[in-house]
């Protein structure tokens, strides 16, 4: 049932096929959540938070699953709090998610330090957390590497920036290649080389 529900993530929002799957699995999802299944709670919260009337219940479910140790719910709870401008609480949950082994928890905490959300802006700390996300070598790796590159770029440390842009590209983040291309095009950290820029 959870696997079936996960197929909706690849479908466009507000489509009949997506809504039909949700209607079909919702009773079973609620039953599992009521039995204490943290995976079901997390998925049910995801469905509920799409509707403004379900936000409060979604947050409650995320809190239960997060306090039970489910890293995905820790991060999702952080996202909900962040979206309500409760940045300090969000960052606490992002850190817990990271410590539980979830790369996006570290990425989100790095992003908060980069943008000064709930913490003083601090690019050195941001890079520390982005590196933790990168080292997990999972879904956030490319995003983290690209962000590290952007921090170095803002400091005009172009060679280091380009190293990280390349790592981002290799980890599957298209913006890493785009930023590396821009560096070749503009001669930042490399001699101007428009042919190489075109390749990237």
N, C-alpha and C. Protein backbone atom coordinates (compact mmCIF):
# COMPACT_ATOMS: atom_id res chain seq x y z
N UNK A 1 0.83 -1.19 0.00
CA UNK A 1 0.00 0.00 0.00
C UNK A 1 0.87 1.26 0.00
N UNK A 2 1.93 1.25 0.84
CA UNK A 2 2.83 2.40 0.86
C UNK A 2 3.56 2.55 -0.47
N UNK A 3 3.91 1.43 -1.08
CA UNK A 3 4.58 1.48 -2.38
C UNK A 3 3.65 2.07 -3.44
N UNK A 4 2.38 1.68 -3.37
CA UNK A 4 1.40 2.20 -4.32
C UNK A 4 1.26 3.72 -4.15
N UNK A 5 1.22 4.15 -2.89
CA UNK A 5 1.10 5.58 -2.62
C UNK A 5 2.31 6.34 -3.16
N UNK A 6 3.48 5.73 -3.07
CA UNK A 6 4.70 6.40 -3.54
C UNK A 6 4.70 6.65 -5.03
N UNK A 7 3.86 5.93 -5.78
CA UNK A 7 3.79 6.18 -7.23
C UNK A 7 3.23 7.57 -7.53
N UNK A 8 2.50 8.18 -6.58
CA UNK A 8 1.92 9.50 -6.87
C UNK A 8 2.98 10.58 -6.99
N UNK A 9 4.17 10.34 -6.43
CA UNK A 9 5.20 11.38 -6.46
C UNK A 9 5.71 11.63 -7.88
N UNK A 10 5.51 10.64 -8.75
CA UNK A 10 5.94 10.81 -10.14
C UNK A 10 4.81 11.31 -11.04
N UNK A 11 3.65 11.54 -10.45
CA UNK A 11 2.50 12.01 -11.24
C UNK A 11 2.31 13.52 -11.03
N UNK A 12 1.84 14.21 -12.05
CA UNK A 12 1.56 15.65 -11.87
C UNK A 12 0.50 15.85 -10.78
N UNK A 13 0.64 16.93 -10.03
CA UNK A 13 -0.34 17.23 -8.99
C UNK A 13 -1.69 17.59 -9.62
N UNK A 14 -2.73 17.41 -8.83
CA UNK A 14 -4.08 17.76 -9.26
C UNK A 14 -4.53 16.99 -10.51
N UNK A 15 -4.10 15.72 -10.59
CA UNK A 15 -4.59 14.87 -11.68
C UNK A 15 -5.54 13.83 -11.10
N UNK A 16 -6.45 13.36 -11.91
CA UNK A 16 -7.45 12.39 -11.46
C UNK A 16 -6.77 11.08 -11.03
N UNK A 17 -5.73 10.67 -11.77
CA UNK A 17 -5.04 9.42 -11.44
C UNK A 17 -4.42 9.50 -10.05
N UNK A 18 -3.80 10.64 -9.76
CA UNK A 18 -3.18 10.84 -8.44
C UNK A 18 -4.24 10.82 -7.34
N UNK A 19 -5.32 11.56 -7.56
CA UNK A 19 -6.40 11.63 -6.57
C UNK A 19 -7.04 10.27 -6.33
N UNK A 20 -7.16 9.48 -7.40
CA UNK A 20 -7.78 8.16 -7.29
C UNK A 20 -6.93 7.23 -6.42
N UNK A 21 -5.61 7.28 -6.60
CA UNK A 21 -4.72 6.44 -5.78
C UNK A 21 -4.83 6.84 -4.31
N UNK A 22 -4.84 8.15 -4.06
CA UNK A 22 -4.96 8.63 -2.67
C UNK A 22 -6.27 8.15 -2.05
N UNK A 23 -7.38 8.28 -2.78
CA UNK A 23 -8.68 7.84 -2.26
C UNK A 23 -8.66 6.33 -1.96
N UNK A 24 -8.01 5.59 -2.84
CA UNK A 24 -7.98 4.13 -2.69
C UNK A 24 -7.21 3.69 -1.45
N UNK A 25 -6.07 4.35 -1.19
CA UNK A 25 -5.20 3.88 -0.10
C UNK A 25 -5.45 4.58 1.24
N UNK A 26 -6.22 5.66 1.23
CA UNK A 26 -6.39 6.47 2.44
C UNK A 26 -6.93 5.68 3.64
N UNK A 27 -7.96 4.84 3.47
CA UNK A 27 -8.44 4.09 4.65
C UNK A 27 -7.37 3.18 5.26
N UNK A 28 -6.63 2.48 4.40
CA UNK A 28 -5.57 1.59 4.90
C UNK A 28 -4.44 2.40 5.53
N UNK A 29 -4.15 3.54 4.93
CA UNK A 29 -3.10 4.42 5.44
C UNK A 29 -3.44 4.92 6.83
N UNK A 30 -4.69 5.35 7.00
CA UNK A 30 -5.13 5.84 8.32
C UNK A 30 -5.07 4.70 9.35
N UNK A 31 -5.49 3.51 8.95
CA UNK A 31 -5.48 2.37 9.87
C UNK A 31 -4.06 2.05 10.33
N UNK A 32 -3.13 2.04 9.40
CA UNK A 32 -1.73 1.78 9.76
C UNK A 32 -1.18 2.87 10.67
N UNK A 33 -1.49 4.12 10.36
CA UNK A 33 -1.02 5.24 11.18
C UNK A 33 -1.56 5.12 12.60
N UNK A 34 -2.83 4.75 12.73
CA UNK A 34 -3.45 4.61 14.06
C UNK A 34 -2.82 3.47 14.85
N UNK A 35 -2.26 2.49 14.12
CA UNK A 35 -1.57 1.37 14.79
C UNK A 35 -0.14 1.73 15.19
N UNK A 36 0.30 2.95 14.83
CA UNK A 36 1.62 3.39 15.24
C UNK A 36 2.71 3.20 14.21
N UNK A 37 2.35 2.89 12.98
CA UNK A 37 3.34 2.71 11.91
C UNK A 37 3.87 4.09 11.49
N UNK A 38 5.17 4.36 11.78
CA UNK A 38 5.72 5.70 11.52
C UNK A 38 5.81 6.01 10.03
N UNK A 39 6.00 4.97 9.21
CA UNK A 39 6.05 5.19 7.76
C UNK A 39 4.69 5.64 7.24
N UNK A 40 3.64 4.99 7.76
CA UNK A 40 2.28 5.37 7.38
C UNK A 40 1.95 6.78 7.88
N UNK A 41 2.39 7.10 9.10
CA UNK A 41 2.16 8.46 9.63
C UNK A 41 2.79 9.51 8.73
N UNK A 42 4.01 9.23 8.31
CA UNK A 42 4.73 10.18 7.45
C UNK A 42 4.02 10.38 6.12
N UNK A 43 3.57 9.28 5.53
CA UNK A 43 2.87 9.36 4.25
C UNK A 43 1.50 10.04 4.40
N UNK A 44 0.80 9.70 5.48
CA UNK A 44 -0.51 10.31 5.72
C UNK A 44 -0.35 11.82 5.93
N UNK A 45 0.67 12.21 6.67
CA UNK A 45 0.93 13.64 6.89
C UNK A 45 1.19 14.33 5.57
N UNK A 46 1.94 13.68 4.68
CA UNK A 46 2.22 14.25 3.36
C UNK A 46 0.93 14.52 2.59
N UNK A 47 0.00 13.56 2.65
CA UNK A 47 -1.28 13.71 1.95
C UNK A 47 -2.10 14.83 2.60
N UNK A 48 -2.16 14.84 3.93
CA UNK A 48 -3.00 15.80 4.65
C UNK A 48 -2.52 17.24 4.51
N UNK A 49 -1.21 17.44 4.49
CA UNK A 49 -0.70 18.82 4.49
C UNK A 49 -0.97 19.54 3.17
N UNK A 50 -1.36 18.80 2.15
CA UNK A 50 -1.71 19.43 0.87
C UNK A 50 -2.99 20.25 1.00
N UNK A 51 -3.79 19.91 2.00
CA UNK A 51 -5.05 20.62 2.25
C UNK A 51 -4.86 21.48 3.51
N UNK A 52 -5.18 22.76 3.41
CA UNK A 52 -4.97 23.67 4.54
C UNK A 52 -5.66 23.17 5.81
N UNK A 53 -6.81 22.54 5.66
CA UNK A 53 -7.53 22.02 6.83
C UNK A 53 -6.81 20.85 7.48
N UNK A 54 -5.91 20.21 6.73
CA UNK A 54 -5.21 19.04 7.27
C UNK A 54 -3.83 19.35 7.82
N UNK A 55 -3.40 20.62 7.76
CA UNK A 55 -2.04 20.96 8.17
C UNK A 55 -1.74 20.64 9.63
N UNK A 56 -2.68 20.96 10.51
CA UNK A 56 -2.47 20.74 11.94
C UNK A 56 -2.32 19.25 12.24
N UNK A 57 -3.17 18.43 11.63
CA UNK A 57 -3.08 16.99 11.81
C UNK A 57 -1.79 16.44 11.22
N UNK A 58 -1.38 16.98 10.07
CA UNK A 58 -0.13 16.55 9.45
C UNK A 58 1.06 16.83 10.38
N UNK A 59 1.07 18.02 10.96
CA UNK A 59 2.17 18.36 11.87
C UNK A 59 2.18 17.44 13.09
N UNK A 60 1.00 17.11 13.60
CA UNK A 60 0.91 16.20 14.75
C UNK A 60 1.49 14.82 14.41
N UNK A 61 1.16 14.33 13.21
CA UNK A 61 1.67 13.02 12.79
C UNK A 61 3.18 13.05 12.58
N UNK A 62 3.67 14.12 11.96
CA UNK A 62 5.12 14.25 11.79
C UNK A 62 5.82 14.26 13.14
N UNK A 63 5.23 14.98 14.11
CA UNK A 63 5.84 15.06 15.45
C UNK A 63 5.93 13.69 16.10
N UNK A 64 4.85 12.90 16.01
CA UNK A 64 4.85 11.56 16.62
C UNK A 64 5.92 10.69 15.96
N UNK A 65 5.93 10.70 14.61
CA UNK A 65 6.90 9.86 13.89
C UNK A 65 8.34 10.34 14.13
N UNK A 66 8.52 11.65 14.18
CA UNK A 66 9.86 12.20 14.42
C UNK A 66 10.35 11.84 15.82
N UNK A 67 9.47 11.98 16.81
CA UNK A 67 9.86 11.65 18.18
C UNK A 67 10.10 10.16 18.36
N UNK A 68 9.55 9.36 17.43
CA UNK A 68 9.80 7.92 17.45
C UNK A 68 11.12 7.57 16.76
N UNK A 69 11.77 8.58 16.17
CA UNK A 69 13.09 8.37 15.57
C UNK A 69 13.12 8.26 14.06
N UNK A 70 11.99 8.52 13.39
CA UNK A 70 11.99 8.40 11.92
C UNK A 70 12.57 9.67 11.32
N UNK A 71 13.75 9.53 10.72
CA UNK A 71 14.52 10.66 10.21
C UNK A 71 13.78 11.45 9.13
N UNK A 72 13.01 10.76 8.30
CA UNK A 72 12.29 11.45 7.22
C UNK A 72 11.25 12.41 7.80
N UNK A 73 10.57 11.96 8.85
CA UNK A 73 9.58 12.82 9.51
C UNK A 73 10.25 13.98 10.24
N UNK A 74 11.45 13.74 10.79
CA UNK A 74 12.19 14.84 11.42
C UNK A 74 12.41 15.96 10.41
N UNK A 75 12.86 15.59 9.24
CA UNK A 75 13.12 16.58 8.20
C UNK A 75 11.84 17.23 7.70
N UNK A 76 10.79 16.42 7.51
CA UNK A 76 9.51 16.96 7.04
C UNK A 76 8.89 17.90 8.07
N UNK A 77 9.04 17.57 9.35
CA UNK A 77 8.56 18.46 10.40
C UNK A 77 9.34 19.77 10.36
N UNK A 78 10.65 19.66 10.15
CA UNK A 78 11.47 20.86 9.99
C UNK A 78 10.98 21.72 8.85
N UNK A 79 10.63 21.09 7.73
CA UNK A 79 10.12 21.85 6.57
C UNK A 79 8.83 22.58 6.90
N UNK A 80 7.93 21.89 7.62
CA UNK A 80 6.65 22.53 7.98
C UNK A 80 6.89 23.75 8.87
N UNK A 81 7.76 23.58 9.86
CA UNK A 81 8.08 24.68 10.78
C UNK A 81 8.76 25.82 10.04
N UNK A 82 9.66 25.47 9.14
CA UNK A 82 10.37 26.48 8.34
C UNK A 82 9.38 27.30 7.52
N UNK A 83 8.42 26.62 6.91
CA UNK A 83 7.42 27.30 6.08
C UNK A 83 6.49 28.22 6.89
N UNK A 84 6.44 27.97 8.21
CA UNK A 84 5.67 28.84 9.10
C UNK A 84 6.58 29.84 9.82
N UNK A 85 7.80 30.01 9.28
CA UNK A 85 8.79 30.96 9.82
C UNK A 85 9.24 30.62 11.25
N UNK A 86 9.08 29.38 11.64
CA UNK A 86 9.58 28.93 12.95
C UNK A 86 10.97 28.31 12.74
N UNK A 87 11.91 29.18 12.38
CA UNK A 87 13.20 28.71 11.88
C UNK A 87 14.03 27.99 12.95
N UNK A 88 14.02 28.49 14.18
CA UNK A 88 14.85 27.87 15.21
C UNK A 88 14.40 26.43 15.47
N UNK A 89 13.09 26.23 15.60
CA UNK A 89 12.57 24.87 15.80
C UNK A 89 12.86 24.01 14.58
N UNK A 90 12.70 24.59 13.39
CA UNK A 90 12.98 23.84 12.15
C UNK A 90 14.42 23.35 12.16
N UNK A 91 15.35 24.23 12.53
CA UNK A 91 16.77 23.86 12.52
C UNK A 91 17.08 22.76 13.53
N UNK A 92 16.37 22.77 14.66
CA UNK A 92 16.57 21.69 15.63
C UNK A 92 16.23 20.34 15.01
N UNK A 93 15.11 20.31 14.26
CA UNK A 93 14.71 19.05 13.63
C UNK A 93 15.60 18.69 12.46
N UNK A 94 16.07 19.69 11.71
CA UNK A 94 17.01 19.40 10.63
C UNK A 94 18.28 18.75 11.19
N UNK A 95 18.75 19.30 12.31
CA UNK A 95 19.96 18.73 12.91
C UNK A 95 19.72 17.30 13.38
N UNK A 96 18.57 17.06 14.00
CA UNK A 96 18.25 15.70 14.44
C UNK A 96 18.17 14.75 13.25
N UNK A 97 17.57 15.22 12.15
CA UNK A 97 17.49 14.38 10.95
C UNK A 97 18.89 14.06 10.42
N UNK A 98 19.75 15.08 10.39
CA UNK A 98 21.13 14.86 9.94
C UNK A 98 21.86 13.87 10.83
N UNK A 99 21.72 14.06 12.13
CA UNK A 99 22.38 13.16 13.09
C UNK A 99 21.86 11.73 12.98
N UNK A 100 20.61 11.61 12.52
CA UNK A 100 20.02 10.27 12.33
C UNK A 100 20.45 9.65 10.99
N UNK A 101 21.24 10.41 10.21
CA UNK A 101 21.78 9.87 8.96
C UNK A 101 21.11 10.35 7.70
N UNK A 102 20.26 11.38 7.79
CA UNK A 102 19.53 11.85 6.60
C UNK A 102 20.24 13.05 6.00
N UNK A 103 20.71 12.89 4.78
CA UNK A 103 21.51 13.94 4.13
C UNK A 103 20.76 15.26 3.97
N UNK A 104 19.45 15.20 3.69
CA UNK A 104 18.69 16.44 3.49
C UNK A 104 18.55 17.23 4.79
N UNK A 105 18.65 16.56 5.94
CA UNK A 105 18.67 17.28 7.20
C UNK A 105 19.88 18.19 7.28
N UNK A 106 21.06 17.64 6.93
CA UNK A 106 22.28 18.46 6.92
C UNK A 106 22.19 19.56 5.88
N UNK A 107 21.65 19.23 4.70
CA UNK A 107 21.54 20.25 3.64
C UNK A 107 20.66 21.40 4.10
N UNK A 108 19.52 21.09 4.68
CA UNK A 108 18.61 22.14 5.14
C UNK A 108 19.23 22.99 6.23
N UNK A 109 19.99 22.35 7.14
CA UNK A 109 20.64 23.11 8.20
C UNK A 109 21.70 24.03 7.60
N UNK A 110 22.43 23.53 6.62
CA UNK A 110 23.41 24.36 5.91
C UNK A 110 22.76 25.54 5.22
N UNK A 111 21.60 25.28 4.62
CA UNK A 111 20.88 26.35 3.94
C UNK A 111 20.41 27.42 4.92
N UNK A 112 20.00 27.01 6.11
CA UNK A 112 19.60 27.97 7.14
C UNK A 112 20.77 28.86 7.54
N UNK A 113 21.95 28.26 7.70
CA UNK A 113 23.14 29.06 8.04
C UNK A 113 23.54 29.97 6.88
N UNK A 114 23.39 29.46 5.67
CA UNK A 114 23.74 30.27 4.49
C UNK A 114 22.85 31.50 4.39
N UNK A 115 21.57 31.32 4.70
CA UNK A 115 20.60 32.41 4.55
C UNK A 115 20.25 33.13 5.85
N UNK A 116 20.87 32.70 6.96
CA UNK A 116 20.60 33.35 8.24
C UNK A 116 19.17 33.17 8.71
N UNK A 117 18.63 31.96 8.59
CA UNK A 117 17.26 31.68 9.00
C UNK A 117 17.28 30.94 10.35
N UNK A 118 16.96 31.67 11.42
CA UNK A 118 16.94 31.07 12.76
C UNK A 118 18.28 30.99 13.42
N UNK A 119 19.31 31.35 12.67
CA UNK A 119 20.70 31.39 13.15
C UNK A 119 21.39 32.56 12.47
N UNK A 120 22.47 33.08 13.07
CA UNK A 120 23.22 34.13 12.36
C UNK A 120 23.79 33.55 11.06
N UNK A 121 23.75 34.33 9.99
CA UNK A 121 24.32 33.88 8.71
C UNK A 121 25.80 33.57 8.92
N UNK A 122 26.23 32.39 8.47
CA UNK A 122 27.61 31.95 8.69
C UNK A 122 27.95 30.94 7.59
N UNK A 123 28.65 31.41 6.57
CA UNK A 123 28.94 30.53 5.44
C UNK A 123 29.93 29.42 5.79
N UNK A 124 30.78 29.63 6.80
CA UNK A 124 31.69 28.56 7.20
C UNK A 124 30.90 27.40 7.80
N UNK A 125 29.94 27.72 8.67
CA UNK A 125 29.09 26.66 9.23
C UNK A 125 28.21 26.05 8.15
N UNK A 126 27.71 26.89 7.24
CA UNK A 126 26.90 26.38 6.14
C UNK A 126 27.68 25.33 5.36
N UNK A 127 28.94 25.65 5.05
CA UNK A 127 29.76 24.70 4.28
C UNK A 127 30.02 23.43 5.07
N UNK A 128 30.17 23.53 6.37
CA UNK A 128 30.37 22.34 7.20
C UNK A 128 29.19 21.39 7.04
N UNK A 129 27.97 21.94 7.09
CA UNK A 129 26.78 21.09 6.98
C UNK A 129 26.56 20.63 5.55
N UNK A 130 26.84 21.49 4.56
CA UNK A 130 26.74 21.05 3.17
C UNK A 130 27.71 19.88 2.90
N UNK A 131 28.91 19.97 3.50
CA UNK A 131 29.88 18.88 3.31
C UNK A 131 29.38 17.59 3.94
N UNK A 132 28.74 17.69 5.10
CA UNK A 132 28.16 16.49 5.72
C UNK A 132 27.12 15.86 4.79
N UNK A 133 26.29 16.72 4.17
CA UNK A 133 25.29 16.21 3.22
C UNK A 133 25.96 15.57 2.02
N UNK A 134 27.01 16.21 1.50
CA UNK A 134 27.72 15.69 0.34
C UNK A 134 28.34 14.33 0.64
N UNK A 135 28.93 14.21 1.82
CA UNK A 135 29.64 12.97 2.19
C UNK A 135 28.71 11.78 2.34
N UNK A 136 27.40 12.03 2.49
CA UNK A 136 26.44 10.93 2.55
C UNK A 136 26.30 10.24 1.19
N UNK A 137 26.69 10.95 0.12
CA UNK A 137 26.67 10.40 -1.23
C UNK A 137 25.28 9.87 -1.61
N UNK A 138 24.25 10.68 -1.26
CA UNK A 138 22.87 10.29 -1.57
C UNK A 138 22.20 11.44 -2.32
N UNK A 139 20.90 11.59 -2.16
CA UNK A 139 20.12 12.52 -2.97
C UNK A 139 20.53 13.98 -2.87
N UNK A 140 21.03 14.40 -1.71
CA UNK A 140 21.39 15.82 -1.51
C UNK A 140 22.81 16.14 -1.94
N UNK A 141 23.60 15.14 -2.32
CA UNK A 141 25.03 15.35 -2.57
C UNK A 141 25.29 16.41 -3.64
N UNK A 142 24.59 16.32 -4.76
CA UNK A 142 24.81 17.28 -5.85
C UNK A 142 24.40 18.69 -5.46
N UNK A 143 23.30 18.80 -4.77
CA UNK A 143 22.83 20.11 -4.31
C UNK A 143 23.84 20.71 -3.34
N UNK A 144 24.34 19.87 -2.42
CA UNK A 144 25.28 20.34 -1.41
C UNK A 144 26.58 20.81 -2.07
N UNK A 145 27.10 20.02 -3.00
CA UNK A 145 28.35 20.40 -3.67
C UNK A 145 28.18 21.70 -4.44
N UNK A 146 27.05 21.86 -5.11
CA UNK A 146 26.82 23.09 -5.86
C UNK A 146 26.76 24.30 -4.91
N UNK A 147 26.11 24.13 -3.76
CA UNK A 147 26.02 25.23 -2.80
C UNK A 147 27.40 25.61 -2.25
N UNK A 148 28.24 24.60 -2.00
CA UNK A 148 29.60 24.88 -1.54
C UNK A 148 30.34 25.67 -2.62
N UNK A 149 30.17 25.25 -3.88
CA UNK A 149 30.78 25.98 -4.98
C UNK A 149 30.32 27.43 -5.04
N UNK A 150 29.03 27.65 -4.80
CA UNK A 150 28.50 29.01 -4.83
C UNK A 150 29.06 29.88 -3.71
N UNK A 151 29.28 29.26 -2.53
CA UNK A 151 29.88 30.02 -1.43
C UNK A 151 31.31 30.43 -1.81
N UNK A 152 32.09 29.49 -2.31
CA UNK A 152 33.47 29.82 -2.73
C UNK A 152 33.45 30.86 -3.85
N UNK A 153 32.48 30.73 -4.75
CA UNK A 153 32.38 31.70 -5.85
C UNK A 153 32.12 33.11 -5.31
N UNK A 154 31.25 33.22 -4.30
CA UNK A 154 30.94 34.53 -3.72
C UNK A 154 32.16 35.13 -3.04
N UNK A 155 33.09 34.26 -2.60
CA UNK A 155 34.34 34.72 -1.98
C UNK A 155 35.44 34.95 -3.02
N UNK A 156 35.07 34.78 -4.30
CA UNK A 156 35.99 34.91 -5.44
C UNK A 156 37.14 33.90 -5.37
N UNK A 157 36.88 32.77 -4.72
CA UNK A 157 37.84 31.65 -4.71
C UNK A 157 37.42 30.69 -5.82
N UNK A 158 37.70 31.11 -7.05
CA UNK A 158 37.11 30.45 -8.21
C UNK A 158 37.61 29.02 -8.42
N UNK A 159 38.88 28.76 -8.13
CA UNK A 159 39.38 27.40 -8.35
C UNK A 159 38.67 26.40 -7.44
N UNK A 160 38.51 26.78 -6.16
CA UNK A 160 37.78 25.90 -5.23
C UNK A 160 36.32 25.78 -5.65
N UNK A 161 35.74 26.91 -6.09
CA UNK A 161 34.34 26.88 -6.54
C UNK A 161 34.18 25.89 -7.68
N UNK A 162 35.10 25.94 -8.63
CA UNK A 162 34.98 25.07 -9.81
C UNK A 162 35.15 23.59 -9.45
N UNK A 163 36.02 23.31 -8.48
CA UNK A 163 36.17 21.92 -8.03
C UNK A 163 34.82 21.39 -7.52
N UNK A 164 34.12 22.25 -6.75
CA UNK A 164 32.84 21.81 -6.18
C UNK A 164 31.73 21.79 -7.23
N UNK A 165 31.79 22.70 -8.19
CA UNK A 165 30.80 22.66 -9.28
C UNK A 165 30.94 21.34 -10.04
N UNK A 166 32.19 20.92 -10.26
CA UNK A 166 32.41 19.66 -10.97
C UNK A 166 31.88 18.48 -10.15
N UNK A 167 32.15 18.51 -8.83
CA UNK A 167 31.62 17.44 -7.97
C UNK A 167 30.09 17.41 -8.02
N UNK A 168 29.50 18.60 -8.05
CA UNK A 168 28.03 18.68 -8.12
C UNK A 168 27.52 18.03 -9.40
N UNK A 169 28.16 18.36 -10.52
CA UNK A 169 27.76 17.77 -11.80
C UNK A 169 27.90 16.26 -11.79
N UNK A 170 29.02 15.78 -11.25
CA UNK A 170 29.26 14.34 -11.19
C UNK A 170 28.24 13.64 -10.29
N UNK A 171 27.72 14.38 -9.30
CA UNK A 171 26.72 13.81 -8.40
C UNK A 171 25.30 13.95 -8.95
N UNK A 172 25.18 14.47 -10.18
CA UNK A 172 23.88 14.52 -10.84
C UNK A 172 23.16 15.85 -10.77
N UNK A 173 23.82 16.90 -10.28
CA UNK A 173 23.19 18.21 -10.18
C UNK A 173 23.53 19.02 -11.43
N UNK A 174 22.54 19.25 -12.28
CA UNK A 174 22.78 19.94 -13.55
C UNK A 174 23.36 21.35 -13.36
N UNK A 175 22.98 22.03 -12.29
CA UNK A 175 23.51 23.38 -12.06
C UNK A 175 25.01 23.37 -11.82
N UNK A 176 25.56 22.25 -11.36
CA UNK A 176 27.02 22.16 -11.21
C UNK A 176 27.69 22.32 -12.56
N UNK A 177 27.19 21.59 -13.58
CA UNK A 177 27.75 21.70 -14.93
C UNK A 177 27.52 23.10 -15.49
N UNK A 178 26.34 23.66 -15.26
CA UNK A 178 26.04 25.00 -15.76
C UNK A 178 26.99 26.03 -15.17
N UNK A 179 27.23 25.95 -13.85
CA UNK A 179 28.13 26.90 -13.20
C UNK A 179 29.57 26.71 -13.65
N UNK A 180 29.97 25.46 -13.89
CA UNK A 180 31.32 25.21 -14.39
C UNK A 180 31.47 25.78 -15.80
N UNK A 181 30.44 25.61 -16.61
CA UNK A 181 30.44 26.19 -17.96
C UNK A 181 30.61 27.70 -17.90
N UNK A 182 29.89 28.32 -16.98
CA UNK A 182 29.97 29.77 -16.82
C UNK A 182 31.38 30.22 -16.46
N UNK A 183 32.05 29.42 -15.61
CA UNK A 183 33.43 29.75 -15.22
C UNK A 183 34.37 29.69 -16.41
N UNK A 184 34.20 28.68 -17.28
CA UNK A 184 35.03 28.61 -18.50
C UNK A 184 34.69 29.76 -19.44
N UNK A 185 33.44 30.07 -19.56
CA UNK A 185 33.01 31.14 -20.46
C UNK A 185 33.57 32.50 -20.05
N UNK A 186 33.59 32.73 -18.71
CA UNK A 186 34.00 34.04 -18.19
C UNK A 186 35.44 34.10 -17.71
N UNK A 187 36.14 32.96 -17.79
CA UNK A 187 37.54 32.96 -17.36
C UNK A 187 37.69 33.13 -15.86
N UNK A 188 36.84 32.44 -15.09
CA UNK A 188 36.91 32.53 -13.64
C UNK A 188 37.49 31.23 -13.08
N UNK A 189 38.80 31.29 -12.75
CA UNK A 189 39.49 30.10 -12.28
C UNK A 189 40.11 29.30 -13.40
N UNK A 190 39.79 29.62 -14.65
CA UNK A 190 40.36 29.00 -15.85
C UNK A 190 40.62 30.11 -16.85
N UNK A 191 41.49 29.86 -17.83
CA UNK A 191 41.52 30.78 -18.98
C UNK A 191 40.17 30.68 -19.73
N UNK A 192 39.77 31.75 -20.36
CA UNK A 192 38.52 31.72 -21.14
C UNK A 192 38.61 30.61 -22.17
N UNK A 193 37.60 29.74 -22.21
CA UNK A 193 37.59 28.61 -23.13
C UNK A 193 36.12 28.33 -23.47
N UNK A 194 35.66 28.94 -24.54
CA UNK A 194 34.24 28.84 -24.86
C UNK A 194 33.85 27.46 -25.37
N UNK A 195 34.79 26.75 -26.00
CA UNK A 195 34.47 25.39 -26.47
C UNK A 195 34.21 24.46 -25.29
N UNK A 196 35.06 24.56 -24.28
CA UNK A 196 34.85 23.73 -23.07
C UNK A 196 33.57 24.14 -22.37
N UNK A 197 33.31 25.45 -22.36
CA UNK A 197 32.05 25.93 -21.77
C UNK A 197 30.86 25.30 -22.47
N UNK A 198 30.91 25.24 -23.80
CA UNK A 198 29.80 24.63 -24.56
C UNK A 198 29.64 23.15 -24.18
N UNK A 199 30.75 22.44 -24.00
CA UNK A 199 30.68 21.02 -23.61
C UNK A 199 29.94 20.86 -22.29
N UNK A 200 30.30 21.70 -21.32
CA UNK A 200 29.63 21.60 -20.01
C UNK A 200 28.19 22.07 -20.09
